[in-house]
Amino acid sequence: MFLKLQQIIVKPGQQMLLQDISWQQLENILEEMGEKRAARISYSHGWLEIMVPLPEHEKDKEYIGELVRVLLDKLQIDFEPFGSTTLKNERMRQAGEPDTSFYIQNQAAIIGKNRIDLNIDPPPDLAIKIDIISRTRFENYEILGVPELWRHTQQGLEISLLKKGKYIKSESSPNFPDIQIVELVNKYVQQCLTIGRSQAIRNFRDWVKNNL
């Protein structure tokens, strides 16, 4: 079976699950979709999920990503943002696309790279998923070896840390060990939604300046 992109119609807020997709078919679909697209994919052992996020999904992604950047800059921690780049490992038959991601401890290893190949590159130190309409399949990111996964839902932020190949829930982040990150992110994402992004980010910068 050769799957063409025009056969795939997914509306915003919806998902499509396809089975028996070979690695080459996955590569063909990704190439045809291109880099600049709204859809996110998740692939595991022949199962391909395609999801097109809602506008609020994209807004939350931008809010949280900006909060992380502000913190890393203030703490003078070198990092490389990689957005929703496709993380894939052919040997493990896994691929996934976080909504945004950051290389922090491993930032030096990927400077200058435009694409990530987990056959040779380390995974992002921090991946962030916005789960408004779907639930992130943890197994996918566990197998890919992402050490820290943030999942943001309508109930707020959840942190999962990779321990012995499995995710465990955590109230703190190793990347921000002395900061109550869950409380902080929830507070300022809510401000973004109520008073607007610009004022909320100014408030957050003020908090960072006065507390860090």
N, C-alpha and C. Protein backbone atom coordinates (compact mmCIF):
# COMPACT_ATOMS: atom_id res chain seq x y z
N MET A 1 0.85 -1.20 0.00
CA MET A 1 0.00 0.00 0.00
C MET A 1 0.88 1.24 0.00
N PHE A 2 0.59 2.16 -0.89
CA PHE A 2 1.30 3.45 -0.91
C PHE A 2 0.30 4.53 -0.53
N LEU A 3 0.53 5.15 0.61
CA LEU A 3 -0.40 6.13 1.14
C LEU A 3 0.00 7.52 0.67
N LYS A 4 -0.95 8.24 0.09
CA LYS A 4 -0.68 9.61 -0.36
C LYS A 4 -1.34 10.60 0.60
N LEU A 5 -0.72 11.75 0.69
CA LEU A 5 -1.19 12.76 1.63
C LEU A 5 -2.62 13.18 1.35
N GLN A 6 -3.00 13.25 0.08
CA GLN A 6 -4.35 13.71 -0.23
C GLN A 6 -5.43 12.74 0.25
N GLN A 7 -5.01 11.53 0.63
CA GLN A 7 -5.96 10.58 1.19
C GLN A 7 -6.26 10.87 2.66
N ILE A 8 -5.44 11.72 3.28
CA ILE A 8 -5.55 11.97 4.71
C ILE A 8 -6.22 13.32 4.93
N ILE A 9 -7.41 13.30 5.51
CA ILE A 9 -8.14 14.54 5.82
C ILE A 9 -8.45 14.54 7.31
N VAL A 10 -7.80 15.44 8.02
CA VAL A 10 -8.01 15.55 9.46
C VAL A 10 -8.32 17.01 9.77
N LYS A 11 -9.48 17.26 10.35
CA LYS A 11 -9.88 18.62 10.69
C LYS A 11 -9.30 19.03 12.04
N PRO A 12 -9.15 20.34 12.29
CA PRO A 12 -8.65 20.80 13.60
C PRO A 12 -9.46 20.21 14.74
N GLY A 13 -8.75 19.71 15.74
CA GLY A 13 -9.41 19.11 16.89
C GLY A 13 -9.70 17.64 16.72
N GLN A 14 -9.32 17.07 15.57
CA GLN A 14 -9.59 15.66 15.32
C GLN A 14 -8.29 14.87 15.17
N GLN A 15 -8.43 13.54 15.29
CA GLN A 15 -7.29 12.64 15.16
C GLN A 15 -7.63 11.55 14.16
N MET A 16 -6.59 10.98 13.58
CA MET A 16 -6.76 9.81 12.71
C MET A 16 -5.70 8.80 13.09
N LEU A 17 -6.11 7.54 13.21
CA LEU A 17 -5.21 6.46 13.57
C LEU A 17 -5.13 5.47 12.41
N LEU A 18 -3.92 5.23 11.93
CA LEU A 18 -3.69 4.32 10.81
C LEU A 18 -2.79 3.18 11.28
N GLN A 19 -3.07 1.97 10.81
CA GLN A 19 -2.25 0.83 11.20
C GLN A 19 -1.50 0.26 10.01
N ASP A 20 -0.51 -0.56 10.32
CA ASP A 20 0.31 -1.23 9.29
C ASP A 20 1.00 -0.22 8.37
N ILE A 21 1.49 0.87 8.95
CA ILE A 21 2.25 1.87 8.19
C ILE A 21 3.74 1.53 8.32
N SER A 22 4.40 1.30 7.21
CA SER A 22 5.82 0.97 7.24
C SER A 22 6.64 2.21 7.53
N TRP A 23 7.91 2.00 7.87
CA TRP A 23 8.78 3.14 8.13
C TRP A 23 8.93 4.00 6.87
N GLN A 24 9.04 3.36 5.71
CA GLN A 24 9.18 4.12 4.48
C GLN A 24 7.92 4.93 4.18
N GLN A 25 6.76 4.37 4.47
CA GLN A 25 5.51 5.12 4.29
C GLN A 25 5.48 6.32 5.23
N LEU A 26 5.95 6.12 6.47
CA LEU A 26 6.02 7.23 7.41
C LEU A 26 6.92 8.33 6.86
N GLU A 27 8.09 7.95 6.36
CA GLU A 27 9.01 8.94 5.80
C GLU A 27 8.37 9.67 4.62
N ASN A 28 7.64 8.95 3.78
CA ASN A 28 6.97 9.57 2.63
C ASN A 28 5.92 10.58 3.09
N ILE A 29 5.16 10.20 4.10
CA ILE A 29 4.10 11.09 4.62
C ILE A 29 4.72 12.35 5.22
N LEU A 30 5.79 12.18 6.00
CA LEU A 30 6.45 13.34 6.60
C LEU A 30 7.02 14.26 5.54
N GLU A 31 7.62 13.69 4.50
CA GLU A 31 8.19 14.50 3.44
C GLU A 31 7.11 15.27 2.68
N GLU A 32 5.98 14.60 2.44
CA GLU A 32 4.91 15.26 1.71
C GLU A 32 4.23 16.34 2.55
N MET A 33 4.13 16.08 3.85
CA MET A 33 3.54 17.07 4.75
C MET A 33 4.42 18.31 4.85
N GLY A 34 5.73 18.11 4.80
CA GLY A 34 6.64 19.25 4.89
C GLY A 34 6.87 19.68 6.33
N GLU A 35 7.79 20.61 6.50
CA GLU A 35 8.16 21.08 7.83
C GLU A 35 7.13 22.04 8.42
N LYS A 36 6.55 22.89 7.58
CA LYS A 36 5.62 23.91 8.08
C LYS A 36 4.19 23.40 7.93
N ARG A 37 3.71 22.77 8.97
CA ARG A 37 2.37 22.19 8.95
C ARG A 37 1.79 22.23 10.35
N ALA A 38 0.48 22.18 10.43
CA ALA A 38 -0.19 22.21 11.73
C ALA A 38 -0.26 20.82 12.36
N ALA A 39 -0.34 19.79 11.53
CA ALA A 39 -0.55 18.43 12.05
C ALA A 39 0.64 17.94 12.86
N ARG A 40 0.34 17.13 13.89
CA ARG A 40 1.36 16.44 14.67
C ARG A 40 1.21 14.94 14.43
N ILE A 41 2.33 14.23 14.48
CA ILE A 41 2.27 12.79 14.28
C ILE A 41 2.87 12.06 15.48
N SER A 42 2.41 10.83 15.67
CA SER A 42 3.00 9.92 16.63
C SER A 42 3.01 8.55 15.98
N TYR A 43 4.16 7.87 16.03
CA TYR A 43 4.30 6.59 15.34
C TYR A 43 4.95 5.57 16.26
N SER A 44 4.37 4.37 16.30
CA SER A 44 4.93 3.32 17.13
C SER A 44 4.61 1.96 16.53
N HIS A 45 5.65 1.27 16.08
CA HIS A 45 5.52 -0.10 15.58
C HIS A 45 4.36 -0.27 14.58
N GLY A 46 4.32 0.62 13.60
CA GLY A 46 3.34 0.49 12.53
C GLY A 46 2.06 1.26 12.73
N TRP A 47 1.83 1.78 13.92
CA TRP A 47 0.63 2.59 14.18
C TRP A 47 0.99 4.06 14.04
N LEU A 48 0.26 4.76 13.20
CA LEU A 48 0.50 6.18 12.97
C LEU A 48 -0.74 6.98 13.38
N GLU A 49 -0.53 7.92 14.28
CA GLU A 49 -1.60 8.83 14.69
C GLU A 49 -1.29 10.22 14.13
N ILE A 50 -2.28 10.82 13.49
CA ILE A 50 -2.16 12.18 12.97
C ILE A 50 -3.20 13.03 13.69
N MET A 51 -2.77 14.14 14.26
CA MET A 51 -3.66 15.02 15.00
C MET A 51 -3.45 16.46 14.54
N VAL A 52 -4.53 17.18 14.33
CA VAL A 52 -4.45 18.59 13.99
C VAL A 52 -4.96 19.39 15.19
N PRO A 53 -4.11 20.20 15.83
CA PRO A 53 -4.50 20.89 17.05
C PRO A 53 -5.49 22.02 16.81
N LEU A 54 -6.20 22.35 17.88
CA LEU A 54 -7.08 23.50 17.89
C LEU A 54 -6.27 24.78 18.14
N PRO A 55 -6.82 25.95 17.83
CA PRO A 55 -6.08 27.20 18.07
C PRO A 55 -5.63 27.37 19.51
N GLU A 56 -6.45 26.98 20.49
CA GLU A 56 -6.06 27.16 21.89
C GLU A 56 -4.88 26.26 22.25
N HIS A 57 -4.77 25.14 21.56
CA HIS A 57 -3.62 24.25 21.73
C HIS A 57 -2.33 24.97 21.35
N GLU A 58 -2.34 25.67 20.23
CA GLU A 58 -1.16 26.38 19.76
C GLU A 58 -0.82 27.56 20.67
N LYS A 59 -1.85 28.22 21.19
CA LYS A 59 -1.60 29.35 22.08
C LYS A 59 -0.93 28.88 23.37
N ASP A 60 -1.43 27.80 23.97
CA ASP A 60 -0.82 27.29 25.20
C ASP A 60 0.62 26.88 24.96
N LYS A 61 0.89 26.29 23.81
CA LYS A 61 2.25 25.89 23.47
C LYS A 61 3.18 27.10 23.46
N GLU A 62 2.74 28.18 22.85
CA GLU A 62 3.55 29.39 22.77
C GLU A 62 3.75 30.01 24.14
N TYR A 63 2.69 30.03 24.95
CA TYR A 63 2.80 30.60 26.29
C TYR A 63 3.85 29.86 27.12
N ILE A 64 3.72 28.53 27.18
CA ILE A 64 4.62 27.75 28.02
C ILE A 64 6.05 27.81 27.49
N GLY A 65 6.20 27.72 26.18
CA GLY A 65 7.54 27.82 25.59
C GLY A 65 8.21 29.14 25.93
N GLU A 66 7.42 30.23 25.92
CA GLU A 66 8.00 31.53 26.25
C GLU A 66 8.40 31.62 27.71
N LEU A 67 7.60 31.04 28.60
CA LEU A 67 7.94 31.03 30.02
C LEU A 67 9.26 30.28 30.25
N VAL A 68 9.42 29.16 29.57
CA VAL A 68 10.65 28.38 29.71
C VAL A 68 11.85 29.19 29.22
N ARG A 69 11.71 29.86 28.09
CA ARG A 69 12.81 30.67 27.56
C ARG A 69 13.21 31.78 28.52
N VAL A 70 12.22 32.44 29.10
CA VAL A 70 12.50 33.53 30.06
C VAL A 70 13.30 32.98 31.24
N LEU A 71 12.89 31.83 31.77
CA LEU A 71 13.58 31.25 32.91
C LEU A 71 15.01 30.85 32.57
N LEU A 72 15.19 30.19 31.43
CA LEU A 72 16.53 29.75 31.04
C LEU A 72 17.46 30.94 30.81
N ASP A 73 16.93 31.98 30.19
CA ASP A 73 17.74 33.18 29.97
C ASP A 73 18.14 33.83 31.30
N LYS A 74 17.17 33.95 32.20
CA LYS A 74 17.46 34.58 33.49
C LYS A 74 18.50 33.78 34.27
N LEU A 75 18.40 32.45 34.21
CA LEU A 75 19.33 31.59 34.93
C LEU A 75 20.65 31.42 34.19
N GLN A 76 20.76 32.05 33.02
CA GLN A 76 21.97 32.00 32.19
C GLN A 76 22.35 30.55 31.86
N ILE A 77 21.33 29.78 31.49
CA ILE A 77 21.52 28.39 31.08
C ILE A 77 21.47 28.33 29.56
N ASP A 78 22.52 27.81 28.95
CA ASP A 78 22.54 27.68 27.50
C ASP A 78 21.51 26.63 27.07
N PHE A 79 20.81 26.93 25.98
CA PHE A 79 19.81 25.98 25.49
C PHE A 79 19.61 26.18 23.99
N GLU A 80 19.03 25.17 23.37
CA GLU A 80 18.65 25.25 21.97
C GLU A 80 17.18 24.83 21.87
N PRO A 81 16.29 25.73 21.43
CA PRO A 81 14.89 25.35 21.25
C PRO A 81 14.70 24.61 19.94
N PHE A 82 13.93 23.53 19.97
CA PHE A 82 13.70 22.76 18.76
C PHE A 82 12.23 22.62 18.41
N GLY A 83 11.36 23.38 19.04
CA GLY A 83 9.96 23.42 18.65
C GLY A 83 9.35 22.03 18.56
N SER A 84 8.55 21.83 17.53
CA SER A 84 7.85 20.56 17.35
C SER A 84 8.57 19.66 16.35
N THR A 85 9.89 19.70 16.36
CA THR A 85 10.67 18.88 15.45
C THR A 85 10.32 17.40 15.60
N THR A 86 10.39 16.65 14.51
CA THR A 86 10.08 15.23 14.55
C THR A 86 11.23 14.46 15.20
N LEU A 87 10.91 13.74 16.25
CA LEU A 87 11.88 12.87 16.92
C LEU A 87 11.64 11.45 16.41
N LYS A 88 12.64 10.84 15.79
CA LYS A 88 12.40 9.50 15.24
C LYS A 88 13.63 8.63 15.37
N ASN A 89 13.36 7.35 15.54
CA ASN A 89 14.40 6.35 15.65
C ASN A 89 13.93 5.12 14.88
N GLU A 90 14.52 4.91 13.70
CA GLU A 90 14.08 3.81 12.85
C GLU A 90 14.32 2.46 13.52
N ARG A 91 15.45 2.32 14.19
CA ARG A 91 15.77 1.04 14.83
C ARG A 91 14.71 0.67 15.87
N MET A 92 14.21 1.67 16.61
CA MET A 92 13.19 1.43 17.63
C MET A 92 11.77 1.48 17.07
N ARG A 93 11.64 1.87 15.80
CA ARG A 93 10.33 1.97 15.13
C ARG A 93 9.43 2.95 15.87
N GLN A 94 10.00 4.09 16.24
CA GLN A 94 9.27 5.10 17.00
C GLN A 94 9.48 6.47 16.38
N ALA A 95 8.43 7.29 16.43
CA ALA A 95 8.55 8.70 16.05
C ALA A 95 7.49 9.49 16.80
N GLY A 96 7.82 10.72 17.13
CA GLY A 96 6.86 11.57 17.82
C GLY A 96 7.20 13.03 17.61
N GLU A 97 6.22 13.88 17.82
CA GLU A 97 6.42 15.32 17.67
C GLU A 97 5.87 16.04 18.88
N PRO A 98 6.74 16.47 19.79
CA PRO A 98 6.26 17.30 20.89
C PRO A 98 5.76 18.63 20.35
N ASP A 99 5.00 19.33 21.16
CA ASP A 99 4.53 20.64 20.72
C ASP A 99 5.65 21.66 20.78
N THR A 100 6.55 21.49 21.70
CA THR A 100 7.79 22.26 21.71
C THR A 100 8.81 21.48 22.53
N SER A 101 10.09 21.77 22.32
CA SER A 101 11.13 20.99 22.99
C SER A 101 12.39 21.83 23.15
N PHE A 102 13.21 21.41 24.12
CA PHE A 102 14.42 22.16 24.44
C PHE A 102 15.58 21.21 24.71
N TYR A 103 16.73 21.54 24.12
CA TYR A 103 17.98 20.90 24.50
C TYR A 103 18.66 21.81 25.51
N ILE A 104 18.97 21.26 26.66
CA ILE A 104 19.56 22.04 27.74
C ILE A 104 20.91 21.43 28.12
N GLN A 105 20.91 20.31 28.82
CA GLN A 105 22.19 19.65 29.13
C GLN A 105 22.93 19.23 27.85
N ASN A 106 22.17 18.84 26.84
CA ASN A 106 22.77 18.35 25.60
C ASN A 106 22.77 19.39 24.48
N GLN A 107 22.65 20.66 24.85
CA GLN A 107 22.52 21.68 23.81
C GLN A 107 23.74 21.76 22.90
N ALA A 108 24.94 21.53 23.46
CA ALA A 108 26.15 21.63 22.65
C ALA A 108 26.20 20.57 21.56
N ALA A 109 25.54 19.43 21.79
CA ALA A 109 25.61 18.32 20.85
C ALA A 109 24.80 18.56 19.59
N ILE A 110 23.87 19.52 19.62
CA ILE A 110 23.01 19.70 18.45
C ILE A 110 23.10 21.13 17.87
N ILE A 111 24.07 21.91 18.33
CA ILE A 111 24.25 23.24 17.76
C ILE A 111 24.53 23.12 16.26
N GLY A 112 23.81 23.89 15.48
CA GLY A 112 24.01 23.88 14.04
C GLY A 112 23.18 22.85 13.29
N LYS A 113 22.50 21.97 14.01
CA LYS A 113 21.69 20.95 13.35
C LYS A 113 20.27 21.47 13.10
N ASN A 114 19.72 21.10 11.96
CA ASN A 114 18.35 21.49 11.62
C ASN A 114 17.37 20.34 11.79
N ARG A 115 17.89 19.12 11.81
CA ARG A 115 17.03 17.95 12.00
C ARG A 115 17.67 17.03 13.04
N ILE A 116 16.81 16.30 13.72
CA ILE A 116 17.26 15.40 14.77
C ILE A 116 17.05 13.95 14.33
N ASP A 117 18.08 13.15 14.48
CA ASP A 117 18.00 11.71 14.20
C ASP A 117 18.42 10.99 15.47
N LEU A 118 17.44 10.40 16.15
CA LEU A 118 17.74 9.78 17.44
C LEU A 118 18.53 8.49 17.32
N ASN A 119 18.84 8.06 16.10
CA ASN A 119 19.80 6.98 15.93
C ASN A 119 21.20 7.45 16.35
N ILE A 120 21.45 8.75 16.20
CA ILE A 120 22.78 9.28 16.51
C ILE A 120 22.74 10.47 17.47
N ASP A 121 21.64 11.20 17.53
CA ASP A 121 21.54 12.39 18.37
C ASP A 121 20.84 12.05 19.69
N PRO A 122 21.15 12.79 20.75
CA PRO A 122 20.40 12.61 22.00
C PRO A 122 18.99 13.20 21.84
N PRO A 123 18.03 12.72 22.64
CA PRO A 123 16.69 13.32 22.61
C PRO A 123 16.71 14.67 23.32
N PRO A 124 15.68 15.49 23.14
CA PRO A 124 15.60 16.74 23.89
C PRO A 124 15.59 16.48 25.39
N ASP A 125 16.16 17.40 26.14
CA ASP A 125 16.14 17.27 27.59
C ASP A 125 14.76 17.56 28.17
N LEU A 126 13.99 18.35 27.45
CA LEU A 126 12.64 18.69 27.89
C LEU A 126 11.72 18.74 26.68
N ALA A 127 10.66 17.95 26.74
CA ALA A 127 9.63 17.98 25.70
C ALA A 127 8.31 18.39 26.34
N ILE A 128 7.53 19.16 25.61
CA ILE A 128 6.26 19.68 26.14
C ILE A 128 5.13 19.30 25.20
N LYS A 129 4.08 18.71 25.78
CA LYS A 129 2.89 18.34 25.02
C LYS A 129 1.68 19.07 25.58
N ILE A 130 0.85 19.59 24.68
CA ILE A 130 -0.41 20.22 25.06
C ILE A 130 -1.53 19.23 24.74
N ASP A 131 -2.18 18.74 25.78
CA ASP A 131 -3.20 17.72 25.61
C ASP A 131 -4.58 18.28 25.94
N ILE A 132 -5.16 18.96 24.97
CA ILE A 132 -6.52 19.49 25.14
C ILE A 132 -7.53 18.49 24.62
N ILE A 133 -7.23 17.88 23.47
CA ILE A 133 -8.18 16.95 22.85
C ILE A 133 -7.70 15.51 22.86
N SER A 134 -6.44 15.28 23.23
CA SER A 134 -5.91 13.92 23.21
C SER A 134 -4.98 13.72 24.38
N ARG A 135 -4.63 12.47 24.62
CA ARG A 135 -3.71 12.15 25.71
C ARG A 135 -2.41 11.63 25.12
N THR A 136 -1.32 12.25 25.52
CA THR A 136 0.00 11.83 25.03
C THR A 136 0.26 10.37 25.39
N ARG A 137 0.74 9.62 24.42
CA ARG A 137 1.14 8.25 24.68
C ARG A 137 2.55 8.26 25.29
N PHE A 138 2.61 8.07 26.59
CA PHE A 138 3.88 8.14 27.29
C PHE A 138 4.88 7.14 26.74
N GLU A 139 4.40 5.94 26.35
CA GLU A 139 5.31 4.88 25.92
C GLU A 139 6.18 5.35 24.76
N ASN A 140 5.61 6.15 23.89
CA ASN A 140 6.33 6.65 22.73
C ASN A 140 7.56 7.44 23.14
N TYR A 141 7.40 8.34 24.10
CA TYR A 141 8.50 9.19 24.55
C TYR A 141 9.42 8.44 25.50
N GLU A 142 8.89 7.45 26.21
CA GLU A 142 9.74 6.60 27.03
C GLU A 142 10.75 5.86 26.15
N ILE A 143 10.26 5.24 25.08
CA ILE A 143 11.13 4.47 24.20
C ILE A 143 12.14 5.39 23.52
N LEU A 144 11.72 6.59 23.16
CA LEU A 144 12.63 7.55 22.53
C LEU A 144 13.64 8.12 23.52
N GLY A 145 13.39 7.91 24.81
CA GLY A 145 14.37 8.29 25.84
C GLY A 145 14.35 9.75 26.25
N VAL A 146 13.21 10.43 26.08
CA VAL A 146 13.11 11.84 26.50
C VAL A 146 13.08 11.89 28.03
N PRO A 147 14.08 12.51 28.68
CA PRO A 147 14.18 12.41 30.14
C PRO A 147 13.11 13.17 30.92
N GLU A 148 12.58 14.24 30.34
CA GLU A 148 11.56 15.02 31.06
C GLU A 148 10.46 15.44 30.10
N LEU A 149 9.23 15.10 30.46
CA LEU A 149 8.07 15.39 29.63
C LEU A 149 7.06 16.21 30.43
N TRP A 150 6.72 17.38 29.90
CA TRP A 150 5.65 18.18 30.49
C TRP A 150 4.40 17.97 29.68
N ARG A 151 3.31 17.73 30.38
CA ARG A 151 2.01 17.56 29.72
C ARG A 151 1.05 18.59 30.31
N HIS A 152 0.52 19.47 29.44
CA HIS A 152 -0.38 20.51 29.91
C HIS A 152 -1.79 20.21 29.44
N THR A 153 -2.71 20.10 30.40
CA THR A 153 -4.11 19.80 30.11
C THR A 153 -4.97 20.95 30.63
N GLN A 154 -6.26 20.78 30.52
CA GLN A 154 -7.17 21.79 31.06
C GLN A 154 -7.07 21.87 32.58
N GLN A 155 -6.51 20.84 33.21
CA GLN A 155 -6.33 20.84 34.66
C GLN A 155 -4.98 21.44 35.07
N GLY A 156 -4.11 21.71 34.11
CA GLY A 156 -2.82 22.32 34.43
C GLY A 156 -1.65 21.46 34.00
N LEU A 157 -0.48 21.77 34.55
CA LEU A 157 0.77 21.15 34.14
C LEU A 157 1.05 19.88 34.94
N GLU A 158 1.50 18.84 34.23
CA GLU A 158 1.98 17.60 34.84
C GLU A 158 3.42 17.37 34.37
N ILE A 159 4.29 16.96 35.29
CA ILE A 159 5.68 16.67 34.96
C ILE A 159 5.91 15.17 35.12
N SER A 160 6.53 14.56 34.11
CA SER A 160 6.91 13.15 34.18
C SER A 160 8.41 13.04 33.91
N LEU A 161 9.09 12.27 34.76
CA LEU A 161 10.53 12.07 34.64
C LEU A 161 10.82 10.61 34.32
N LEU A 162 11.79 10.39 33.43
CA LEU A 162 12.14 9.04 33.00
C LEU A 162 13.07 8.39 34.03
N LYS A 163 12.60 7.31 34.64
CA LYS A 163 13.38 6.56 35.62
C LYS A 163 13.35 5.09 35.24
N LYS A 164 14.54 4.55 34.92
CA LYS A 164 14.66 3.14 34.54
C LYS A 164 13.71 2.78 33.39
N GLY A 165 13.61 3.70 32.43
CA GLY A 165 12.83 3.43 31.23
C GLY A 165 11.35 3.70 31.34
N LYS A 166 10.86 4.18 32.50
CA LYS A 166 9.44 4.47 32.68
C LYS A 166 9.26 5.86 33.28
N TYR A 167 8.16 6.51 32.91
CA TYR A 167 7.87 7.82 33.47
C TYR A 167 7.22 7.71 34.83
N ILE A 168 7.68 8.58 35.73
CA ILE A 168 7.03 8.72 37.03
C ILE A 168 6.64 10.18 37.19
N LYS A 169 5.51 10.42 37.85
CA LYS A 169 5.03 11.78 38.06
C LYS A 169 5.93 12.50 39.06
N SER A 170 6.11 13.78 38.88
CA SER A 170 6.95 14.58 39.76
C SER A 170 6.34 15.96 39.94
N GLU A 171 6.55 16.53 41.11
CA GLU A 171 6.08 17.89 41.37
C GLU A 171 7.16 18.92 41.06
N SER A 172 8.37 18.44 40.72
CA SER A 172 9.47 19.37 40.45
C SER A 172 10.18 18.98 39.16
N SER A 173 10.96 19.92 38.63
CA SER A 173 11.69 19.72 37.40
C SER A 173 13.19 19.77 37.66
N PRO A 174 13.96 18.75 37.24
CA PRO A 174 15.41 18.80 37.40
C PRO A 174 16.05 19.97 36.65
N ASN A 175 15.38 20.45 35.61
CA ASN A 175 15.90 21.60 34.86
C ASN A 175 15.70 22.91 35.61
N PHE A 176 14.74 22.93 36.54
CA PHE A 176 14.48 24.12 37.37
C PHE A 176 14.29 23.66 38.82
N PRO A 177 15.34 23.12 39.44
CA PRO A 177 15.18 22.40 40.71
C PRO A 177 14.73 23.26 41.89
N ASP A 178 15.01 24.53 41.87
CA ASP A 178 14.67 25.38 43.02
C ASP A 178 13.45 26.24 42.77
N ILE A 179 12.65 25.88 41.77
CA ILE A 179 11.48 26.67 41.40
C ILE A 179 10.24 25.79 41.46
N GLN A 180 9.17 26.32 42.03
CA GLN A 180 7.89 25.59 42.04
C GLN A 180 7.26 25.75 40.65
N ILE A 181 7.78 24.96 39.72
CA ILE A 181 7.49 25.19 38.31
C ILE A 181 6.04 24.91 37.95
N VAL A 182 5.43 23.90 38.56
CA VAL A 182 4.03 23.58 38.24
C VAL A 182 3.13 24.75 38.61
N GLU A 183 3.28 25.23 39.82
CA GLU A 183 2.48 26.37 40.29
C GLU A 183 2.73 27.61 39.44
N LEU A 184 3.99 27.83 39.10
CA LEU A 184 4.37 29.03 38.35
C LEU A 184 3.78 29.00 36.93
N VAL A 185 3.96 27.88 36.24
CA VAL A 185 3.43 27.77 34.87
C VAL A 185 1.91 27.89 34.86
N ASN A 186 1.26 27.21 35.78
CA ASN A 186 -0.21 27.27 35.82
C ASN A 186 -0.70 28.70 36.05
N LYS A 187 -0.02 29.41 36.94
CA LYS A 187 -0.44 30.78 37.26
C LYS A 187 -0.33 31.69 36.05
N TYR A 188 0.82 31.64 35.35
CA TYR A 188 1.01 32.62 34.28
C TYR A 188 0.37 32.20 32.96
N VAL A 189 0.15 30.91 32.75
CA VAL A 189 -0.66 30.50 31.59
C VAL A 189 -2.09 30.99 31.79
N GLN A 190 -2.60 30.88 33.02
CA GLN A 190 -3.95 31.37 33.30
C GLN A 190 -4.01 32.88 33.10
N GLN A 191 -2.96 33.60 33.50
CA GLN A 191 -2.94 35.05 33.27
C GLN A 191 -2.96 35.36 31.78
N CYS A 192 -2.22 34.59 30.99
CA CYS A 192 -2.23 34.80 29.53
C CYS A 192 -3.65 34.70 28.99
N LEU A 193 -4.44 33.80 29.55
CA LEU A 193 -5.79 33.57 29.07
C LEU A 193 -6.78 34.62 29.57
N THR A 194 -6.44 35.28 30.68
CA THR A 194 -7.40 36.21 31.27
C THR A 194 -7.06 37.68 31.00
N ILE A 195 -5.77 38.03 31.08
CA ILE A 195 -5.40 39.43 30.87
C ILE A 195 -4.60 39.64 29.59
N GLY A 196 -4.31 38.55 28.89
CA GLY A 196 -3.59 38.65 27.62
C GLY A 196 -2.12 38.30 27.76
N ARG A 197 -1.56 37.83 26.67
CA ARG A 197 -0.18 37.35 26.68
C ARG A 197 0.81 38.44 27.07
N SER A 198 0.69 39.63 26.51
CA SER A 198 1.70 40.67 26.72
C SER A 198 1.83 41.06 28.18
N GLN A 199 0.68 41.34 28.84
CA GLN A 199 0.72 41.74 30.25
C GLN A 199 1.17 40.58 31.12
N ALA A 200 0.73 39.38 30.81
CA ALA A 200 1.11 38.21 31.60
C ALA A 200 2.61 37.97 31.54
N ILE A 201 3.20 38.08 30.36
CA ILE A 201 4.64 37.87 30.23
C ILE A 201 5.41 38.97 30.94
N ARG A 202 4.90 40.21 30.89
CA ARG A 202 5.55 41.29 31.65
C ARG A 202 5.50 40.98 33.15
N ASN A 203 4.36 40.51 33.62
CA ASN A 203 4.23 40.13 35.03
C ASN A 203 5.22 39.02 35.38
N PHE A 204 5.36 38.05 34.47
CA PHE A 204 6.25 36.94 34.72
C PHE A 204 7.71 37.40 34.76
N ARG A 205 8.07 38.29 33.87
CA ARG A 205 9.44 38.84 33.87
C ARG A 205 9.72 39.59 35.18
N ASP A 206 8.71 40.30 35.66
CA ASP A 206 8.86 41.01 36.93
C ASP A 206 9.09 40.01 38.06
N TRP A 207 8.31 38.92 38.07
CA TRP A 207 8.47 37.89 39.10
C TRP A 207 9.87 37.29 39.04
N VAL A 208 10.32 36.97 37.85
CA VAL A 208 11.66 36.39 37.68
C VAL A 208 12.73 37.36 38.19
N LYS A 209 12.59 38.63 37.83
CA LYS A 209 13.57 39.64 38.25
C LYS A 209 13.64 39.76 39.77
N ASN A 210 12.48 39.66 40.42
CA ASN A 210 12.42 39.87 41.87
C ASN A 210 12.70 38.62 42.69
N ASN A 211 12.64 37.45 42.06
CA ASN A 211 12.74 36.21 42.83
C ASN A 211 13.90 35.31 42.46
N LEU A 212 14.54 35.57 41.33
CA LEU A 212 15.64 34.69 40.90
C LEU A 212 16.95 35.47 40.79
